[in-house]
Amino acid sequence: MKNNTLEINTLNFAKGDGLITAVVQDADSGTVLMVGYQTLEAIEKTNTTGQVTFWSRTKQRLWTKGEESGNALNVKDARVDCDQDTILYLVDAPAATCHTGSFSCFGSVASFGFVTGLFQLIKNRQAALPDGSYVTSLFRDGLDRIAQKVGEEAVETVIAAKNDDKEDFINESSDLLFHLLVLCAEKEIDISEVIGRLRDRS
């Protein structure tokens, strides 16, 4: 993030007794991931590093999200609200933003936010190739096998639709979407590119 993204001099720290509310949102899905607080120093560090840094009211110190877990919040854009006392950070979100392991601190979200989190998990598996993982076996088999699985799941989804079985259709659609995400990773196409194209077409 560029240092001039935020006009710090316009921020109203007085209303929050020296703190600014920071809302963190996934840039691709719009899912609200978490809410924290920032001092002037935390905002300046965020501007410099490009990763969201907060002020811990409990520990009374600065902390950068991901400094222990590795789940950093990389800033793509930042906006200040009309009252100048809240910052909205649009970020590239990790698979698990919350310390509980959830994509969002507000619980399970049935949206593209979960899909982007799942895609990141798939890419992590692609990089590490852990033994015993189904995703690992797909990547090791290569493009032809992954593409074949997408085709198989597409056919099974159509059959489920024709059979008018709602649960079967949901299951097969889930399998199709999952394998399509694996195929995107194999082709080095980020799911945000697909979501962006859908957004453009809408």
C-alpha atoms as a PDB file:
ATOM      1  CA  MET A   1       0.000   0.000   0.000  1.00  0.00           C
ATOM      2  CA  LYS A   2       1.350   3.458  -0.838  1.00  0.00           C
ATOM      3  CA  ASN A   3       2.110   5.802   2.034  1.00  0.00           C
ATOM      4  CA  ASN A   4      -0.282   8.403   0.640  1.00  0.00           C
ATOM      5  CA  THR A   5      -3.275   6.035   0.528  1.00  0.00           C
ATOM      6  CA  LEU A   6      -4.584   7.531   3.739  1.00  0.00           C
ATOM      7  CA  GLU A   7      -4.568  11.207   4.615  1.00  0.00           C
ATOM      8  CA  ILE A   8      -3.638  10.659   8.248  1.00  0.00           C
ATOM      9  CA  ASN A   9      -3.857  14.341   9.118  1.00  0.00           C
ATOM     10  CA  THR A  10      -7.611  14.296   8.473  1.00  0.00           C
ATOM     11  CA  LEU A  11      -8.345  11.421  10.872  1.00  0.00           C
ATOM     12  CA  ASN A  12     -10.322  12.154  14.044  1.00  0.00           C
ATOM     13  CA  PHE A  13      -8.532  10.381  16.908  1.00  0.00           C
ATOM     14  CA  ALA A  14     -10.316  12.433  19.581  1.00  0.00           C
ATOM     15  CA  LYS A  15     -13.663  10.625  19.290  1.00  0.00           C
ATOM     16  CA  GLY A  16     -12.051   7.284  20.148  1.00  0.00           C
ATOM     17  CA  ASP A  17      -9.669   8.555  22.824  1.00  0.00           C
ATOM     18  CA  GLY A  18      -6.705   8.204  20.511  1.00  0.00           C
ATOM     19  CA  LEU A  19      -7.947   5.149  18.648  1.00  0.00           C
ATOM     20  CA  ILE A  20      -9.378   4.692  15.174  1.00  0.00           C
ATOM     21  CA  THR A  21     -11.714   1.789  14.403  1.00  0.00           C
ATOM     22  CA  ALA A  22     -10.338  -0.458  11.657  1.00  0.00           C
ATOM     23  CA  VAL A  23     -12.738  -2.655   9.680  1.00  0.00           C
ATOM     24  CA  VAL A  24     -11.076  -5.363   7.596  1.00  0.00           C
ATOM     25  CA  GLN A  25     -12.873  -6.678   4.506  1.00  0.00           C
ATOM     26  CA  ASP A  26     -11.891  -9.280   1.931  1.00  0.00           C
ATOM     27  CA  ALA A  27     -11.293  -7.351  -1.284  1.00  0.00           C
ATOM     28  CA  ASP A  28     -12.692 -10.063  -3.548  1.00  0.00           C
ATOM     29  CA  SER A  29     -15.817 -11.221  -1.746  1.00  0.00           C
ATOM     30  CA  GLY A  30     -16.696  -8.200   0.392  1.00  0.00           C
ATOM     31  CA  THR A  31     -16.832 -10.411   3.492  1.00  0.00           C
ATOM     32  CA  VAL A  32     -16.135  -8.518   6.716  1.00  0.00           C
ATOM     33  CA  LEU A  33     -13.291 -10.412   8.339  1.00  0.00           C
ATOM     34  CA  MET A  34     -12.612  -8.610  11.605  1.00  0.00           C
ATOM     35  CA  VAL A  35     -12.678  -5.295  13.452  1.00  0.00           C
ATOM     36  CA  GLY A  36      -9.777  -3.842  15.423  1.00  0.00           C
ATOM     37  CA  TYR A  37      -8.335  -0.553  16.626  1.00  0.00           C
ATOM     38  CA  GLN A  38      -5.403   1.538  15.525  1.00  0.00           C
ATOM     39  CA  THR A  39      -3.266   4.297  16.936  1.00  0.00           C
ATOM     40  CA  LEU A  40      -1.445   6.768  14.721  1.00  0.00           C
ATOM     41  CA  GLU A  41       1.666   4.599  15.001  1.00  0.00           C
ATOM     42  CA  ALA A  42      -0.285   1.484  13.938  1.00  0.00           C
ATOM     43  CA  ILE A  43      -1.634   3.272  10.877  1.00  0.00           C
ATOM     44  CA  GLU A  44       1.812   4.536   9.914  1.00  0.00           C
ATOM     45  CA  LYS A  45       3.238   1.017  10.223  1.00  0.00           C
ATOM     46  CA  THR A  46       0.377  -0.331   8.098  1.00  0.00           C
ATOM     47  CA  ASN A  47       1.163   2.289   5.443  1.00  0.00           C
ATOM     48  CA  THR A  48       4.835   1.364   5.483  1.00  0.00           C
ATOM     49  CA  THR A  49       4.577  -2.448   5.486  1.00  0.00           C
ATOM     50  CA  GLY A  50       1.351  -2.943   3.554  1.00  0.00           C
ATOM     51  CA  GLN A  51       0.095  -5.319   6.268  1.00  0.00           C
ATOM     52  CA  VAL A  52      -2.607  -4.296   8.735  1.00  0.00           C
ATOM     53  CA  THR A  53      -1.198  -3.473  12.169  1.00  0.00           C
ATOM     54  CA  PHE A  54      -3.479  -2.939  15.158  1.00  0.00           C
ATOM     55  CA  TRP A  55      -3.224  -1.605  18.688  1.00  0.00           C
ATOM     56  CA  SER A  56      -3.944  -4.304  21.254  1.00  0.00           C
ATOM     57  CA  ARG A  57      -6.041  -2.819  24.043  1.00  0.00           C
ATOM     58  CA  THR A  58      -5.318  -5.904  26.150  1.00  0.00           C
ATOM     59  CA  LYS A  59      -1.549  -6.078  25.734  1.00  0.00           C
ATOM     60  CA  GLN A  60      -1.138  -2.330  25.232  1.00  0.00           C
ATOM     61  CA  ARG A  61       1.162  -2.722  22.237  1.00  0.00           C
ATOM     62  CA  LEU A  62       1.189  -2.812  18.457  1.00  0.00           C
ATOM     63  CA  TRP A  63       0.531  -6.148  16.777  1.00  0.00           C
ATOM     64  CA  THR A  64       0.561  -7.021  13.099  1.00  0.00           C
ATOM     65  CA  LYS A  65      -1.999  -9.596  12.079  1.00  0.00           C
ATOM     66  CA  GLY A  66      -0.164 -12.786  11.152  1.00  0.00           C
ATOM     67  CA  GLU A  67       3.014 -12.076  13.092  1.00  0.00           C
ATOM     68  CA  GLU A  68       2.596 -15.446  14.821  1.00  0.00           C
ATOM     69  CA  SER A  69       0.143 -17.388  12.634  1.00  0.00           C
ATOM     70  CA  GLY A  70       1.478 -16.204   9.287  1.00  0.00           C
ATOM     71  CA  ASN A  71      -2.057 -15.182   8.256  1.00  0.00           C
ATOM     72  CA  ALA A  72      -1.160 -11.616   7.317  1.00  0.00           C
ATOM     73  CA  LEU A  73      -3.700  -9.129   5.974  1.00  0.00           C
ATOM     74  CA  ASN A  74      -2.124  -7.611   2.860  1.00  0.00           C
ATOM     75  CA  VAL A  75      -3.734  -4.280   2.052  1.00  0.00           C
ATOM     76  CA  LYS A  76      -5.042  -3.640  -1.446  1.00  0.00           C
ATOM     77  CA  ASP A  77      -6.894  -0.425  -0.643  1.00  0.00           C
ATOM     78  CA  ALA A  78      -7.875   1.703   2.345  1.00  0.00           C
ATOM     79  CA  ARG A  79     -10.742   4.143   2.764  1.00  0.00           C
ATOM     80  CA  VAL A  80     -11.823   6.539   5.512  1.00  0.00           C
ATOM     81  CA  ASP A  81     -15.474   7.030   6.436  1.00  0.00           C
ATOM     82  CA  CYS A  82     -17.302  10.355   6.318  1.00  0.00           C
ATOM     83  CA  ASP A  83     -16.747  11.028  10.041  1.00  0.00           C
ATOM     84  CA  GLN A  84     -13.000  10.451   9.691  1.00  0.00           C
ATOM     85  CA  ASP A  85     -12.947   8.060  12.650  1.00  0.00           C
ATOM     86  CA  THR A  86     -13.078   4.657  10.911  1.00  0.00           C
ATOM     87  CA  ILE A  87     -10.833   3.057   8.302  1.00  0.00           C
ATOM     88  CA  LEU A  88     -11.958   0.315   5.934  1.00  0.00           C
ATOM     89  CA  TYR A  89      -9.114  -1.939   4.785  1.00  0.00           C
ATOM     90  CA  LEU A  90      -9.669  -4.044   1.684  1.00  0.00           C
ATOM     91  CA  VAL A  91      -7.238  -6.949   1.885  1.00  0.00           C
ATOM     92  CA  ASP A  92      -6.035 -10.143   0.287  1.00  0.00           C
ATOM     93  CA  ALA A  93      -7.384 -12.456   2.962  1.00  0.00           C
ATOM     94  CA  PRO A  94      -5.742 -15.657   4.175  1.00  0.00           C
ATOM     95  CA  ALA A  95      -7.768 -18.839   4.513  1.00  0.00           C
ATOM     96  CA  ALA A  96      -8.080 -18.260   8.260  1.00  0.00           C
ATOM     97  CA  THR A  97      -8.340 -14.683   9.494  1.00  0.00           C
ATOM     98  CA  CYS A  98      -9.838 -15.542  12.876  1.00  0.00           C
ATOM     99  CA  HIS A  99      -7.748 -17.209  15.608  1.00  0.00           C
ATOM    100  CA  THR A 100     -10.418 -19.954  15.671  1.00  0.00           C
ATOM    101  CA  GLY A 101      -9.420 -20.966  12.149  1.00  0.00           C
ATOM    102  CA  SER A 102     -12.478 -19.427  10.486  1.00  0.00           C
ATOM    103  CA  PHE A 103     -12.248 -17.249   7.398  1.00  0.00           C
ATOM    104  CA  SER A 104     -14.082 -14.480   9.261  1.00  0.00           C
ATOM    105  CA  CYS A 105     -14.225 -13.589  12.956  1.00  0.00           C
ATOM    106  CA  PHE A 106     -17.986 -13.350  12.470  1.00  0.00           C
ATOM    107  CA  GLY A 107     -18.312 -17.078  11.847  1.00  0.00           C
ATOM    108  CA  SER A 108     -19.001 -19.180   8.812  1.00  0.00           C
ATOM    109  CA  VAL A 109     -20.018 -17.093   5.838  1.00  0.00           C
ATOM    110  CA  ALA A 110     -21.934 -18.642   2.952  1.00  0.00           C
ATOM    111  CA  SER A 111     -20.472 -16.401   0.261  1.00  0.00           C
ATOM    112  CA  PHE A 112     -17.592 -16.044  -2.140  1.00  0.00           C
ATOM    113  CA  GLY A 113     -15.555 -15.252   0.964  1.00  0.00           C
ATOM    114  CA  PHE A 114     -15.556 -18.919   1.897  1.00  0.00           C
ATOM    115  CA  VAL A 115     -14.718 -19.870  -1.665  1.00  0.00           C
ATOM    116  CA  THR A 116     -11.669 -17.586  -1.725  1.00  0.00           C
ATOM    117  CA  GLY A 117     -10.592 -19.044   1.609  1.00  0.00           C
ATOM    118  CA  LEU A 118     -10.961 -22.569   0.256  1.00  0.00           C
ATOM    119  CA  PHE A 119      -8.999 -21.613  -2.851  1.00  0.00           C
ATOM    120  CA  GLN A 120      -6.162 -20.320  -0.683  1.00  0.00           C
ATOM    121  CA  LEU A 121      -6.182 -23.598   1.245  1.00  0.00           C
ATOM    122  CA  ILE A 122      -5.954 -25.506  -2.048  1.00  0.00           C
ATOM    123  CA  LYS A 123      -3.002 -23.352  -3.125  1.00  0.00           C
ATOM    124  CA  ASN A 124      -1.311 -23.976   0.225  1.00  0.00           C
ATOM    125  CA  ARG A 125      -1.707 -27.720  -0.335  1.00  0.00           C
ATOM    126  CA  GLN A 126      -0.370 -27.302  -3.866  1.00  0.00           C
ATOM    127  CA  ALA A 127       2.767 -25.646  -2.512  1.00  0.00           C
ATOM    128  CA  ALA A 128       3.366 -28.086   0.365  1.00  0.00           C
ATOM    129  CA  LEU A 129       1.980 -31.322  -1.169  1.00  0.00           C
ATOM    130  CA  PRO A 130       1.347 -32.976   2.235  1.00  0.00           C
ATOM    131  CA  ASP A 131       1.094 -36.762   2.188  1.00  0.00           C
ATOM    132  CA  GLY A 132      -2.375 -38.257   2.610  1.00  0.00           C
ATOM    133  CA  SER A 133      -4.150 -35.266   1.065  1.00  0.00           C
ATOM    134  CA  TYR A 134      -6.649 -35.784  -1.760  1.00  0.00           C
ATOM    135  CA  VAL A 135      -5.652 -32.397  -3.147  1.00  0.00           C
ATOM    136  CA  THR A 136      -2.017 -33.514  -3.185  1.00  0.00           C
ATOM    137  CA  SER A 137      -2.941 -36.624  -5.171  1.00  0.00           C
ATOM    138  CA  LEU A 138      -4.723 -34.480  -7.767  1.00  0.00           C
ATOM    139  CA  PHE A 139      -1.770 -32.156  -8.235  1.00  0.00           C
ATOM    140  CA  ARG A 140       0.634 -35.064  -8.459  1.00  0.00           C
ATOM    141  CA  ASP A 141      -1.540 -36.686 -11.159  1.00  0.00           C
ATOM    142  CA  GLY A 142      -1.372 -33.471 -13.166  1.00  0.00           C
ATOM    143  CA  LEU A 143      -3.511 -31.354 -15.455  1.00  0.00           C
ATOM    144  CA  ASP A 144      -5.134 -34.130 -17.478  1.00  0.00           C
ATOM    145  CA  ARG A 145      -6.459 -35.916 -14.378  1.00  0.00           C
ATOM    146  CA  ILE A 146      -7.700 -32.685 -12.784  1.00  0.00           C
ATOM    147  CA  ALA A 147      -9.480 -31.649 -15.986  1.00  0.00           C
ATOM    148  CA  GLN A 148     -10.975 -35.134 -16.251  1.00  0.00           C
ATOM    149  CA  LYS A 149     -12.367 -34.818 -12.717  1.00  0.00           C
ATOM    150  CA  VAL A 150     -13.992 -31.493 -13.591  1.00  0.00           C
ATOM    151  CA  GLY A 151     -15.624 -33.138 -16.593  1.00  0.00           C
ATOM    152  CA  GLU A 152     -16.830 -36.107 -14.531  1.00  0.00           C
ATOM    153  CA  GLU A 153     -18.294 -33.857 -11.843  1.00  0.00           C
ATOM    154  CA  ALA A 154     -19.984 -31.670 -14.470  1.00  0.00           C
ATOM    155  CA  VAL A 155     -21.724 -34.709 -15.958  1.00  0.00           C
ATOM    156  CA  GLU A 156     -22.769 -35.927 -12.512  1.00  0.00           C
ATOM    157  CA  THR A 157     -24.148 -32.464 -11.718  1.00  0.00           C
ATOM    158  CA  VAL A 158     -26.260 -32.509 -14.892  1.00  0.00           C
ATOM    159  CA  ILE A 159     -27.568 -36.004 -14.058  1.00  0.00           C
ATOM    160  CA  ALA A 160     -28.468 -34.895 -10.533  1.00  0.00           C
ATOM    161  CA  ALA A 161     -30.320 -31.903 -11.959  1.00  0.00           C
ATOM    162  CA  LYS A 162     -32.281 -34.096 -14.363  1.00  0.00           C
ATOM    163  CA  ASN A 163     -33.173 -36.498 -11.524  1.00  0.00           C
ATOM    164  CA  ASP A 164     -34.650 -33.563  -9.600  1.00  0.00           C
ATOM    165  CA  ASP A 165     -32.890 -34.619  -6.367  1.00  0.00           C
ATOM    166  CA  LYS A 166     -32.055 -31.414  -4.485  1.00  0.00           C
ATOM    167  CA  GLU A 167     -29.550 -32.909  -2.020  1.00  0.00           C
ATOM    168  CA  ASP A 168     -27.785 -34.875  -4.735  1.00  0.00           C
ATOM    169  CA  PHE A 169     -27.621 -31.770  -6.903  1.00  0.00           C
ATOM    170  CA  ILE A 170     -26.103 -29.723  -4.050  1.00  0.00           C
ATOM    171  CA  ASN A 171     -23.539 -32.445  -3.375  1.00  0.00           C
ATOM    172  CA  GLU A 172     -22.533 -32.777  -7.012  1.00  0.00           C
ATOM    173  CA  SER A 173     -22.412 -28.994  -7.483  1.00  0.00           C
ATOM    174  CA  SER A 174     -20.083 -28.765  -4.472  1.00  0.00           C
ATOM    175  CA  ASP A 175     -17.823 -31.440  -5.972  1.00  0.00           C
ATOM    176  CA  LEU A 176     -17.801 -29.619  -9.305  1.00  0.00           C
ATOM    177  CA  LEU A 177     -16.904 -26.268  -7.747  1.00  0.00           C
ATOM    178  CA  PHE A 178     -14.163 -27.832  -5.626  1.00  0.00           C
ATOM    179  CA  HIS A 179     -12.483 -29.514  -8.580  1.00  0.00           C
ATOM    180  CA  LEU A 180     -12.828 -26.347 -10.654  1.00  0.00           C
ATOM    181  CA  LEU A 181     -10.890 -24.495  -7.919  1.00  0.00           C
ATOM    182  CA  VAL A 182      -8.178 -27.156  -8.094  1.00  0.00           C
ATOM    183  CA  LEU A 183      -8.068 -26.746 -11.889  1.00  0.00           C
ATOM    184  CA  CYS A 184      -7.728 -22.965 -11.532  1.00  0.00           C
ATOM    185  CA  ALA A 185      -4.804 -23.456  -9.153  1.00  0.00           C
ATOM    186  CA  GLU A 186      -3.164 -25.902 -11.564  1.00  0.00           C
ATOM    187  CA  LYS A 187      -3.569 -23.375 -14.393  1.00  0.00           C
ATOM    188  CA  GLU A 188      -2.166 -20.605 -12.147  1.00  0.00           C
ATOM    189  CA  ILE A 189      -5.394 -18.622 -12.433  1.00  0.00           C
ATOM    190  CA  ASP A 190      -6.401 -16.936  -9.202  1.00  0.00           C
ATOM    191  CA  ILE A 191     -10.070 -17.318  -8.302  1.00  0.00           C
ATOM    192  CA  SER A 192     -10.193 -13.528  -7.869  1.00  0.00           C
ATOM    193  CA  GLU A 193      -9.740 -13.262 -11.655  1.00  0.00           C
ATOM    194  CA  VAL A 194     -12.846 -15.391 -12.199  1.00  0.00           C
ATOM    195  CA  ILE A 195     -14.824 -13.455  -9.596  1.00  0.00           C
ATOM    196  CA  GLY A 196     -13.625 -10.222 -11.169  1.00  0.00           C
ATOM    197  CA  ARG A 197     -14.859 -11.348 -14.577  1.00  0.00           C
ATOM    198  CA  LEU A 198     -18.262 -12.198 -13.086  1.00  0.00           C
ATOM    199  CA  ARG A 199     -18.319  -8.761 -11.468  1.00  0.00           C
ATOM    200  CA  ASP A 200     -17.478  -7.093 -14.786  1.00  0.00           C
ATOM    201  CA  ARG A 201     -20.230  -8.988 -16.580  1.00  0.00           C
ATOM    202  CA  SER A 202     -22.807  -8.053 -13.966  1.00  0.00           C
END
